[in-house]
Amino acid sequence: MTLEETYIPSSGNPSSWYDFIGPSVKQDIFNVAIQDKINLTEKLDTTIGLRYDNYNYKPYMDEINKKGIEKASKYYPVRIDYENGEFDHNNKMDNIGGMFP
């Protein structure tokens, strides 16, 4: 398979507006952070902190994107993901981080 087979729509017209189609994303982001500045001496202080992030997102295809997917090459990565049901479930990512100077 060549690069052209992967990204050119099945119409064979590389100037088509369907060349770069992808899903929209519904997202819900929650985060909380806490930090404290500590004076160790008169001339020396430090800041420490902790942060938690929670990302929930779900790709979805609106009507215009669905029409584009129908015309895209069968090797187009977004079409493959859509046909395999990758957009049918929520994705979640949690992140915990610390801040130490």
PDB file of N, CA and C in Angstrom:
ATOM      1  N   MET A   1       0.847  -1.171   0.000  1.00  0.00           N
ATOM      2  CA  MET A   1       0.000   0.000   0.000  1.00  0.00           C
ATOM      3  C   MET A   1       0.896   1.239   0.000  1.00  0.00           C
ATOM      4  N   THR A   2       0.550   2.217  -0.838  1.00  0.00           N
ATOM      5  CA  THR A   2       1.327   3.450  -0.910  1.00  0.00           C
ATOM      6  C   THR A   2       0.684   4.526  -0.050  1.00  0.00           C
ATOM      7  N   LEU A   3       1.421   5.590   0.180  1.00  0.00           N
ATOM      8  CA  LEU A   3       0.894   6.705   0.950  1.00  0.00           C
ATOM      9  C   LEU A   3      -0.356   7.278   0.290  1.00  0.00           C
ATOM     10  N   GLU A   4      -0.353   7.340  -1.038  1.00  0.00           N
ATOM     11  CA  GLU A   4      -1.511   7.873  -1.746  1.00  0.00           C
ATOM     12  C   GLU A   4      -2.750   7.011  -1.508  1.00  0.00           C
ATOM     13  N   GLU A   5      -2.594   5.689  -1.469  1.00  0.00           N
ATOM     14  CA  GLU A   5      -3.738   4.809  -1.226  1.00  0.00           C
ATOM     15  C   GLU A   5      -4.306   5.019   0.175  1.00  0.00           C
ATOM     16  N   THR A   6      -3.456   5.404   1.087  1.00  0.00           N
ATOM     17  CA  THR A   6      -3.891   5.584   2.466  1.00  0.00           C
ATOM     18  C   THR A   6      -4.678   6.874   2.660  1.00  0.00           C
ATOM     19  N   TYR A   7      -4.232   7.963   2.045  1.00  0.00           N
ATOM     20  CA  TYR A   7      -4.813   9.260   2.364  1.00  0.00           C
ATOM     21  C   TYR A   7      -5.668   9.892   1.275  1.00  0.00           C
ATOM     22  N   ILE A   8      -5.595   9.438   0.046  1.00  0.00           N
ATOM     23  CA  ILE A   8      -6.441  10.012  -1.004  1.00  0.00           C
ATOM     24  C   ILE A   8      -7.805   9.331  -0.959  1.00  0.00           C
ATOM     25  N   PRO A   9      -8.887  10.107  -1.030  1.00  0.00           N
ATOM     26  CA  PRO A   9     -10.226   9.526  -0.989  1.00  0.00           C
ATOM     27  C   PRO A   9     -10.455   8.555  -2.134  1.00  0.00           C
ATOM     28  N   SER A  10     -11.457   7.723  -1.986  1.00  0.00           N
ATOM     29  CA  SER A  10     -11.743   6.718  -2.997  1.00  0.00           C
ATOM     30  C   SER A  10     -12.097   7.347  -4.341  1.00  0.00           C
ATOM     31  N   SER A  11     -12.499   8.633  -4.345  1.00  0.00           N
ATOM     32  CA  SER A  11     -12.781   9.320  -5.606  1.00  0.00           C
ATOM     33  C   SER A  11     -11.511   9.503  -6.417  1.00  0.00           C
ATOM     34  N   GLY A  12     -10.340   9.385  -5.758  1.00  0.00           N
ATOM     35  CA  GLY A  12      -9.070   9.567  -6.447  1.00  0.00           C
ATOM     36  C   GLY A  12      -8.677  11.015  -6.595  1.00  0.00           C
ATOM     37  N   ASN A  13      -9.444  11.920  -6.035  1.00  0.00           N
ATOM     38  CA  ASN A  13      -9.186  13.346  -6.168  1.00  0.00           C
ATOM     39  C   ASN A  13      -8.524  13.879  -4.898  1.00  0.00           C
ATOM     40  N   PRO A  14      -7.190  14.076  -4.909  1.00  0.00           N
ATOM     41  CA  PRO A  14      -6.499  14.506  -3.694  1.00  0.00           C
ATOM     42  C   PRO A  14      -6.855  15.922  -3.248  1.00  0.00           C
ATOM     43  N   SER A  15      -7.519  16.726  -4.111  1.00  0.00           N
ATOM     44  CA  SER A  15      -7.870  18.079  -3.700  1.00  0.00           C
ATOM     45  C   SER A  15      -9.236  18.133  -3.019  1.00  0.00           C
ATOM     46  N   SER A  16      -9.849  16.994  -2.809  1.00  0.00           N
ATOM     47  CA  SER A  16     -11.153  16.935  -2.166  1.00  0.00           C
ATOM     48  C   SER A  16     -11.073  17.432  -0.734  1.00  0.00           C
ATOM     49  N   TRP A  17     -12.130  18.088  -0.240  1.00  0.00           N
ATOM     50  CA  TRP A  17     -12.149  18.565   1.145  1.00  0.00           C
ATOM     51  C   TRP A  17     -12.263  17.418   2.127  1.00  0.00           C
ATOM     52  N   TYR A  18     -12.446  16.189   1.643  1.00  0.00           N
ATOM     53  CA  TYR A  18     -12.517  15.022   2.514  1.00  0.00           C
ATOM     54  C   TYR A  18     -11.125  14.498   2.903  1.00  0.00           C
ATOM     55  N   ASP A  19     -10.080  15.071   2.382  1.00  0.00           N
ATOM     56  CA  ASP A  19      -8.732  14.556   2.635  1.00  0.00           C
ATOM     57  C   ASP A  19      -8.357  14.518   4.120  1.00  0.00           C
ATOM     58  N   PHE A  20      -8.774  15.499   4.871  1.00  0.00           N
ATOM     59  CA  PHE A  20      -8.343  15.602   6.272  1.00  0.00           C
ATOM     60  C   PHE A  20      -9.551  15.607   7.200  1.00  0.00           C
ATOM     61  N   ILE A  21     -10.288  14.544   7.214  1.00  0.00           N
ATOM     62  CA  ILE A  21     -11.492  14.456   8.032  1.00  0.00           C
ATOM     63  C   ILE A  21     -11.191  13.723   9.329  1.00  0.00           C
ATOM     64  N   GLY A  22     -11.825  14.137  10.392  1.00  0.00           N
ATOM     65  CA  GLY A  22     -11.619  13.475  11.674  1.00  0.00           C
ATOM     66  C   GLY A  22     -12.779  13.737  12.598  1.00  0.00           C
ATOM     67  N   PRO A  23     -12.808  13.071  13.721  1.00  0.00           N
ATOM     68  CA  PRO A  23     -13.943  13.194  14.629  1.00  0.00           C
ATOM     69  C   PRO A  23     -13.905  14.489  15.442  1.00  0.00           C
ATOM     70  N   SER A  24     -15.072  14.897  15.889  1.00  0.00           N
ATOM     71  CA  SER A  24     -15.169  15.927  16.905  1.00  0.00           C
ATOM     72  C   SER A  24     -15.029  15.223  18.254  1.00  0.00           C
ATOM     73  N   VAL A  25     -14.830  15.982  19.313  1.00  0.00           N
ATOM     74  CA  VAL A  25     -14.610  15.356  20.617  1.00  0.00           C
ATOM     75  C   VAL A  25     -15.439  16.070  21.679  1.00  0.00           C
ATOM     76  N   LYS A  26     -16.233  15.302  22.419  1.00  0.00           N
ATOM     77  CA  LYS A  26     -16.905  15.818  23.611  1.00  0.00           C
ATOM     78  C   LYS A  26     -15.952  15.547  24.772  1.00  0.00           C
ATOM     79  N   GLN A  27     -15.715  16.561  25.595  1.00  0.00           N
ATOM     80  CA  GLN A  27     -14.775  16.350  26.689  1.00  0.00           C
ATOM     81  C   GLN A  27     -15.274  16.961  27.989  1.00  0.00           C
ATOM     82  N   ASP A  28     -14.848  16.354  29.065  1.00  0.00           N
ATOM     83  CA  ASP A  28     -15.150  16.827  30.414  1.00  0.00           C
ATOM     84  C   ASP A  28     -13.846  16.723  31.198  1.00  0.00           C
ATOM     85  N   ILE A  29     -13.332  17.862  31.630  1.00  0.00           N
ATOM     86  CA  ILE A  29     -12.041  17.888  32.322  1.00  0.00           C
ATOM     87  C   ILE A  29     -12.236  18.438  33.735  1.00  0.00           C
ATOM     88  N   PHE A  30     -11.714  17.718  34.710  1.00  0.00           N
ATOM     89  CA  PHE A  30     -11.754  18.144  36.107  1.00  0.00           C
ATOM     90  C   PHE A  30     -10.334  18.102  36.636  1.00  0.00           C
ATOM     91  N   ASN A  31      -9.918  19.142  37.344  1.00  0.00           N
ATOM     92  CA  ASN A  31      -8.613  19.090  38.001  1.00  0.00           C
ATOM     93  C   ASN A  31      -8.655  19.878  39.296  1.00  0.00           C
ATOM     94  N   VAL A  32      -7.779  19.489  40.178  1.00  0.00           N
ATOM     95  CA  VAL A  32      -7.637  20.172  41.455  1.00  0.00           C
ATOM     96  C   VAL A  32      -6.144  20.230  41.783  1.00  0.00           C
ATOM     97  N   ALA A  33      -5.734  21.354  42.343  1.00  0.00           N
ATOM     98  CA  ALA A  33      -4.327  21.521  42.711  1.00  0.00           C
ATOM     99  C   ALA A  33      -4.240  22.202  44.069  1.00  0.00           C
ATOM    100  N   ILE A  34      -3.207  21.834  44.784  1.00  0.00           N
ATOM    101  CA  ILE A  34      -2.945  22.455  46.086  1.00  0.00           C
ATOM    102  C   ILE A  34      -1.442  22.715  46.166  1.00  0.00           C
ATOM    103  N   GLN A  35      -1.093  23.877  46.677  1.00  0.00           N
ATOM    104  CA  GLN A  35       0.323  24.172  46.846  1.00  0.00           C
ATOM    105  C   GLN A  35       0.521  25.000  48.104  1.00  0.00           C
ATOM    106  N   ASP A  36       1.730  24.958  48.601  1.00  0.00           N
ATOM    107  CA  ASP A  36       2.048  25.685  49.822  1.00  0.00           C
ATOM    108  C   ASP A  36       3.465  26.236  49.706  1.00  0.00           C
ATOM    109  N   LYS A  37       3.621  27.466  50.145  1.00  0.00           N
ATOM    110  CA  LYS A  37       4.948  28.074  50.203  1.00  0.00           C
ATOM    111  C   LYS A  37       5.436  27.972  51.640  1.00  0.00           C
ATOM    112  N   ILE A  38       6.616  27.411  51.814  1.00  0.00           N
ATOM    113  CA  ILE A  38       7.172  27.176  53.145  1.00  0.00           C
ATOM    114  C   ILE A  38       8.443  28.011  53.301  1.00  0.00           C
ATOM    115  N   ASN A  39       8.473  28.810  54.359  1.00  0.00           N
ATOM    116  CA  ASN A  39       9.677  29.583  54.672  1.00  0.00           C
ATOM    117  C   ASN A  39      10.571  28.731  55.558  1.00  0.00           C
ATOM    118  N   LEU A  40      11.706  28.325  55.023  1.00  0.00           N
ATOM    119  CA  LEU A  40      12.642  27.505  55.785  1.00  0.00           C
ATOM    120  C   LEU A  40      13.531  28.362  56.686  1.00  0.00           C
ATOM    121  N   THR A  41      14.005  29.461  56.135  1.00  0.00           N
ATOM    122  CA  THR A  41      14.761  30.445  56.918  1.00  0.00           C
ATOM    123  C   THR A  41      14.337  31.823  56.414  1.00  0.00           C
ATOM    124  N   GLU A  42      14.970  32.869  56.946  1.00  0.00           N
ATOM    125  CA  GLU A  42      14.636  34.221  56.505  1.00  0.00           C
ATOM    126  C   GLU A  42      14.916  34.431  55.025  1.00  0.00           C
ATOM    127  N   LYS A  43      15.938  33.757  54.504  1.00  0.00           N
ATOM    128  CA  LYS A  43      16.342  33.945  53.109  1.00  0.00           C
ATOM    129  C   LYS A  43      16.030  32.748  52.217  1.00  0.00           C
ATOM    130  N   LEU A  44      15.482  31.712  52.789  1.00  0.00           N
ATOM    131  CA  LEU A  44      15.246  30.494  52.008  1.00  0.00           C
ATOM    132  C   LEU A  44      13.803  30.024  52.184  1.00  0.00           C
ATOM    133  N   ASP A  45      13.123  29.906  51.050  1.00  0.00           N
ATOM    134  CA  ASP A  45      11.777  29.345  51.095  1.00  0.00           C
ATOM    135  C   ASP A  45      11.600  28.375  49.927  1.00  0.00           C
ATOM    136  N   THR A  46      10.560  27.586  49.995  1.00  0.00           N
ATOM    137  CA  THR A  46      10.297  26.589  48.958  1.00  0.00           C
ATOM    138  C   THR A  46       8.788  26.482  48.750  1.00  0.00           C
ATOM    139  N   THR A  47       8.409  25.963  47.630  1.00  0.00           N
ATOM    140  CA  THR A  47       6.999  25.732  47.318  1.00  0.00           C
ATOM    141  C   THR A  47       6.831  24.267  46.931  1.00  0.00           C
ATOM    142  N   ILE A  48       5.843  23.631  47.504  1.00  0.00           N
ATOM    143  CA  ILE A  48       5.528  22.254  47.130  1.00  0.00           C
ATOM    144  C   ILE A  48       4.051  22.202  46.736  1.00  0.00           C
ATOM    145  N   GLY A  49       3.709  21.217  45.936  1.00  0.00           N
ATOM    146  CA  GLY A  49       2.318  21.129  45.519  1.00  0.00           C
ATOM    147  C   GLY A  49       1.970  19.762  44.958  1.00  0.00           C
ATOM    148  N   LEU A  50       0.680  19.568  44.771  1.00  0.00           N
ATOM    149  CA  LEU A  50       0.146  18.319  44.236  1.00  0.00           C
ATOM    150  C   LEU A  50      -1.015  18.664  43.318  1.00  0.00           C
ATOM    151  N   ARG A  51      -1.131  17.957  42.197  1.00  0.00           N
ATOM    152  CA  ARG A  51      -2.193  18.212  41.231  1.00  0.00           C
ATOM    153  C   ARG A  51      -2.790  16.903  40.754  1.00  0.00           C
ATOM    154  N   TYR A  52      -4.110  16.907  40.596  1.00  0.00           N
ATOM    155  CA  TYR A  52      -4.830  15.745  40.057  1.00  0.00           C
ATOM    156  C   TYR A  52      -5.671  16.208  38.870  1.00  0.00           C
ATOM    157  N   ASP A  53      -5.573  15.493  37.763  1.00  0.00           N
ATOM    158  CA  ASP A  53      -6.360  15.777  36.565  1.00  0.00           C
ATOM    159  C   ASP A  53      -7.173  14.549  36.198  1.00  0.00           C
ATOM    160  N   ASN A  54      -8.408  14.774  35.781  1.00  0.00           N
ATOM    161  CA  ASN A  54      -9.278  13.706  35.305  1.00  0.00           C
ATOM    162  C   ASN A  54      -9.867  14.162  33.978  1.00  0.00           C
ATOM    163  N   TYR A  55      -9.547  13.434  32.911  1.00  0.00           N
ATOM    164  CA  TYR A  55     -10.029  13.750  31.576  1.00  0.00           C
ATOM    165  C   TYR A  55     -10.995  12.653  31.127  1.00  0.00           C
ATOM    166  N   ASN A  56     -12.180  13.049  30.688  1.00  0.00           N
ATOM    167  CA  ASN A  56     -13.120  12.140  30.057  1.00  0.00           C
ATOM    168  C   ASN A  56     -13.434  12.712  28.684  1.00  0.00           C
ATOM    169  N   TYR A  57     -13.287  11.895  27.661  1.00  0.00           N
ATOM    170  CA  TYR A  57     -13.570  12.387  26.323  1.00  0.00           C
ATOM    171  C   TYR A  57     -14.138  11.269  25.456  1.00  0.00           C
ATOM    172  N   LYS A  58     -14.931  11.681  24.473  1.00  0.00           N
ATOM    173  CA  LYS A  58     -15.547  10.721  23.565  1.00  0.00           C
ATOM    174  C   LYS A  58     -15.552  11.310  22.155  1.00  0.00           C
ATOM    175  N   PRO A  59     -14.837  10.673  21.230  1.00  0.00           N
ATOM    176  CA  PRO A  59     -14.909  11.126  19.844  1.00  0.00           C
ATOM    177  C   PRO A  59     -16.289  10.809  19.270  1.00  0.00           C
ATOM    178  N   TYR A  60     -16.777  11.643  18.396  1.00  0.00           N
ATOM    179  CA  TYR A  60     -18.055  11.372  17.730  1.00  0.00           C
ATOM    180  C   TYR A  60     -18.015  11.956  16.323  1.00  0.00           C
ATOM    181  N   MET A  61     -18.843  11.419  15.482  1.00  0.00           N
ATOM    182  CA  MET A  61     -18.913  11.872  14.098  1.00  0.00           C
ATOM    183  C   MET A  61     -20.240  12.588  13.888  1.00  0.00           C
ATOM    184  N   ASP A  62     -20.184  13.846  13.432  1.00  0.00           N
ATOM    185  CA  ASP A  62     -21.419  14.522  13.077  1.00  0.00           C
ATOM    186  C   ASP A  62     -21.760  14.179  11.621  1.00  0.00           C
ATOM    187  N   GLU A  63     -22.856  14.690  11.120  1.00  0.00           N
ATOM    188  CA  GLU A  63     -23.337  14.290   9.788  1.00  0.00           C
ATOM    189  C   GLU A  63     -22.336  14.602   8.680  1.00  0.00           C
ATOM    190  N   ILE A  64     -21.705  15.768   8.742  1.00  0.00           N
ATOM    191  CA  ILE A  64     -20.755  16.126   7.691  1.00  0.00           C
ATOM    192  C   ILE A  64     -19.548  15.193   7.707  1.00  0.00           C
ATOM    193  N   ASN A  65     -19.082  14.800   8.899  1.00  0.00           N
ATOM    194  CA  ASN A  65     -17.951  13.884   8.993  1.00  0.00           C
ATOM    195  C   ASN A  65     -18.331  12.488   8.510  1.00  0.00           C
ATOM    196  N   LYS A  66     -19.556  12.051   8.804  1.00  0.00           N
ATOM    197  CA  LYS A  66     -20.008  10.730   8.338  1.00  0.00           C
ATOM    198  C   LYS A  66     -20.039  10.677   6.815  1.00  0.00           C
ATOM    199  N   LYS A  67     -20.484  11.759   6.178  1.00  0.00           N
ATOM    200  CA  LYS A  67     -20.497  11.796   4.710  1.00  0.00           C
ATOM    201  C   LYS A  67     -19.073  11.733   4.160  1.00  0.00           C
ATOM    202  N   GLY A  68     -18.152  12.421   4.837  1.00  0.00           N
ATOM    203  CA  GLY A  68     -16.756  12.387   4.403  1.00  0.00           C
ATOM    204  C   GLY A  68     -16.145  11.006   4.549  1.00  0.00           C
ATOM    205  N   ILE A  69     -16.459  10.321   5.644  1.00  0.00           N
ATOM    206  CA  ILE A  69     -15.935   8.968   5.876  1.00  0.00           C
ATOM    207  C   ILE A  69     -16.409   8.020   4.787  1.00  0.00           C
ATOM    208  N   GLU A  70     -17.659   8.175   4.345  1.00  0.00           N
ATOM    209  CA  GLU A  70     -18.188   7.318   3.287  1.00  0.00           C
ATOM    210  C   GLU A  70     -17.398   7.469   2.001  1.00  0.00           C
ATOM    211  N   LYS A  71     -16.852   8.653   1.741  1.00  0.00           N
ATOM    212  CA  LYS A  71     -16.117   8.911   0.504  1.00  0.00           C
ATOM    213  C   LYS A  71     -14.610   8.696   0.643  1.00  0.00           C
ATOM    214  N   ALA A  72     -14.136   8.516   1.869  1.00  0.00           N
ATOM    215  CA  ALA A  72     -12.702   8.351   2.105  1.00  0.00           C
ATOM    216  C   ALA A  72     -12.240   6.956   1.689  1.00  0.00           C
ATOM    217  N   SER A  73     -10.960   6.848   1.443  1.00  0.00           N
ATOM    218  CA  SER A  73     -10.353   5.563   1.117  1.00  0.00           C
ATOM    219  C   SER A  73     -10.591   4.560   2.241  1.00  0.00           C
ATOM    220  N   LYS A  74     -10.750   3.306   1.894  1.00  0.00           N
ATOM    221  CA  LYS A  74     -10.957   2.282   2.930  1.00  0.00           C
ATOM    222  C   LYS A  74      -9.724   2.109   3.811  1.00  0.00           C
ATOM    223  N   TYR A  75      -8.581   2.674   3.412  1.00  0.00           N
ATOM    224  CA  TYR A  75      -7.355   2.598   4.206  1.00  0.00           C
ATOM    225  C   TYR A  75      -7.142   3.833   5.082  1.00  0.00           C
ATOM    226  N   TYR A  76      -8.054   4.793   5.030  1.00  0.00           N
ATOM    227  CA  TYR A  76      -7.922   6.024   5.808  1.00  0.00           C
ATOM    228  C   TYR A  76      -8.050   5.681   7.301  1.00  0.00           C
ATOM    229  N   PRO A  77      -7.061   6.044   8.137  1.00  0.00           N
ATOM    230  CA  PRO A  77      -7.060   5.621   9.549  1.00  0.00           C
ATOM    231  C   PRO A  77      -8.322   5.992  10.331  1.00  0.00           C
ATOM    232  N   VAL A  78      -8.869   7.176  10.106  1.00  0.00           N
ATOM    233  CA  VAL A  78     -10.074   7.577  10.831  1.00  0.00           C
ATOM    234  C   VAL A  78     -11.255   6.704  10.416  1.00  0.00           C
ATOM    235  N   ARG A  79     -11.352   6.378   9.129  1.00  0.00           N
ATOM    236  CA  ARG A  79     -12.434   5.492   8.664  1.00  0.00           C
ATOM    237  C   ARG A  79     -12.313   4.111   9.302  1.00  0.00           C
ATOM    238  N   ILE A  80     -11.109   3.603   9.373  1.00  0.00           N
ATOM    239  CA  ILE A  80     -10.886   2.283   9.981  1.00  0.00           C
ATOM    240  C   ILE A  80     -11.320   2.301  11.451  1.00  0.00           C
ATOM    241  N   ASP A  81     -10.901   3.336  12.198  1.00  0.00           N
ATOM    242  CA  ASP A  81     -11.295   3.442  13.611  1.00  0.00           C
ATOM    243  C   ASP A  81     -12.811   3.553  13.753  1.00  0.00           C
ATOM    244  N   TYR A  82     -13.436   4.370  12.905  1.00  0.00           N
ATOM    245  CA  TYR A  82     -14.887   4.554  12.972  1.00  0.00           C
ATOM    246  C   TYR A  82     -15.612   3.233  12.691  1.00  0.00           C
ATOM    247  N   GLU A  83     -15.196   2.522  11.663  1.00  0.00           N
ATOM    248  CA  GLU A  83     -15.844   1.257  11.311  1.00  0.00           C
ATOM    249  C   GLU A  83     -15.600   0.174  12.359  1.00  0.00           C
ATOM    250  N   ASN A  84     -14.495   0.259  13.080  1.00  0.00           N
ATOM    251  CA  ASN A  84     -14.200  -0.716  14.142  1.00  0.00           C
ATOM    252  C   ASN A  84     -14.825  -0.349  15.484  1.00  0.00           C
ATOM    253  N   GLY A  85     -15.610   0.725  15.528  1.00  0.00           N
ATOM    254  CA  GLY A  85     -16.322   1.090  16.750  1.00  0.00           C
ATOM    255  C   GLY A  85     -15.498   1.841  17.773  1.00  0.00           C
ATOM    256  N   GLU A  86     -14.369   2.410  17.356  1.00  0.00           N
ATOM    257  CA  GLU A  86     -13.510   3.136  18.311  1.00  0.00           C
ATOM    258  C   GLU A  86     -14.184   4.379  18.879  1.00  0.00           C
ATOM    259  N   PHE A  87     -15.215   4.896  18.204  1.00  0.00           N
ATOM    260  CA  PHE A  87     -15.876   6.120  18.663  1.00  0.00           C
ATOM    261  C   PHE A  87     -17.117   5.812  19.486  1.00  0.00           C
ATOM    262  N   ASP A  88     -17.360   4.550  19.818  1.00  0.00           N
ATOM    263  CA  ASP A  88     -18.578   4.150  20.523  1.00  0.00           C
ATOM    264  C   ASP A  88     -18.436   4.141  22.041  1.00  0.00           C
ATOM    265  N   HIS A  89     -17.284   4.469  22.568  1.00  0.00           N
ATOM    266  CA  HIS A  89     -17.095   4.409  24.020  1.00  0.00           C
ATOM    267  C   HIS A  89     -16.312   5.630  24.513  1.00  0.00           C
ATOM    268  N   ASN A  90     -16.492   5.918  25.791  1.00  0.00           N
ATOM    269  CA  ASN A  90     -15.763   7.020  26.422  1.00  0.00           C
ATOM    270  C   ASN A  90     -14.334   6.600  26.716  1.00  0.00           C
ATOM    271  N   ASN A  91     -13.444   7.554  26.658  1.00  0.00           N
ATOM    272  CA  ASN A  91     -12.054   7.334  27.042  1.00  0.00           C
ATOM    273  C   ASN A  91     -11.774   8.154  28.290  1.00  0.00           C
ATOM    274  N   LYS A  92     -10.923   7.652  29.143  1.00  0.00           N
ATOM    275  CA  LYS A  92     -10.635   8.319  30.407  1.00  0.00           C
ATOM    276  C   LYS A  92      -9.139   8.300  30.675  1.00  0.00           C
ATOM    277  N   MET A  93      -8.644   9.385  31.264  1.00  0.00           N
ATOM    278  CA  MET A  93      -7.239   9.440  31.646  1.00  0.00           C
ATOM    279  C   MET A  93      -7.145  10.194  32.970  1.00  0.00           C
ATOM    280  N   ASP A  94      -6.449   9.627  33.927  1.00  0.00           N
ATOM    281  CA  ASP A  94      -6.167  10.295  35.193  1.00  0.00           C
ATOM    282  C   ASP A  94      -4.680  10.601  35.258  1.00  0.00           C
ATOM    283  N   ASN A  95      -4.356  11.709  35.900  1.00  0.00           N
ATOM    284  CA  ASN A  95      -2.965  12.119  36.017  1.00  0.00           C
ATOM    285  C   ASN A  95      -2.756  12.725  37.402  1.00  0.00           C
ATOM    286  N   ILE A  96      -1.705  12.296  38.068  1.00  0.00           N
ATOM    287  CA  ILE A  96      -1.331  12.887  39.358  1.00  0.00           C
ATOM    288  C   ILE A  96       0.102  13.389  39.230  1.00  0.00           C
ATOM    289  N   GLY A  97       0.330  14.606  39.664  1.00  0.00           N
ATOM    290  CA  GLY A  97       1.664  15.162  39.556  1.00  0.00           C
ATOM    291  C   GLY A  97       2.042  15.940  40.801  1.00  0.00           C
ATOM    292  N   GLY A  98       3.316  16.086  41.001  1.00  0.00           N
ATOM    293  CA  GLY A  98       3.812  16.835  42.149  1.00  0.00           C
ATOM    294  C   GLY A  98       4.675  17.986  41.693  1.00  0.00           C
ATOM    295  N   MET A  99       4.811  18.966  42.547  1.00  0.00           N
ATOM    296  CA  MET A  99       5.651  20.119  42.240  1.00  0.00           C
ATOM    297  C   MET A  99       6.639  20.291  43.383  1.00  0.00           C
ATOM    298  N   PHE A 100       7.897  20.110  43.042  1.00  0.00           N
ATOM    299  CA  PHE A 100       8.960  20.270  44.027  1.00  0.00           C
ATOM    300  C   PHE A 100      10.082  21.054  43.377  1.00  0.00           C
ATOM    301  N   PRO A 101      10.524  22.148  43.971  1.00  0.00           N
ATOM    302  CA  PRO A 101      11.580  22.955  43.336  1.00  0.00           C
ATOM    303  C   PRO A 101      12.918  22.272  43.373  1.00  0.00           C
TER     304      PRO A 101
END
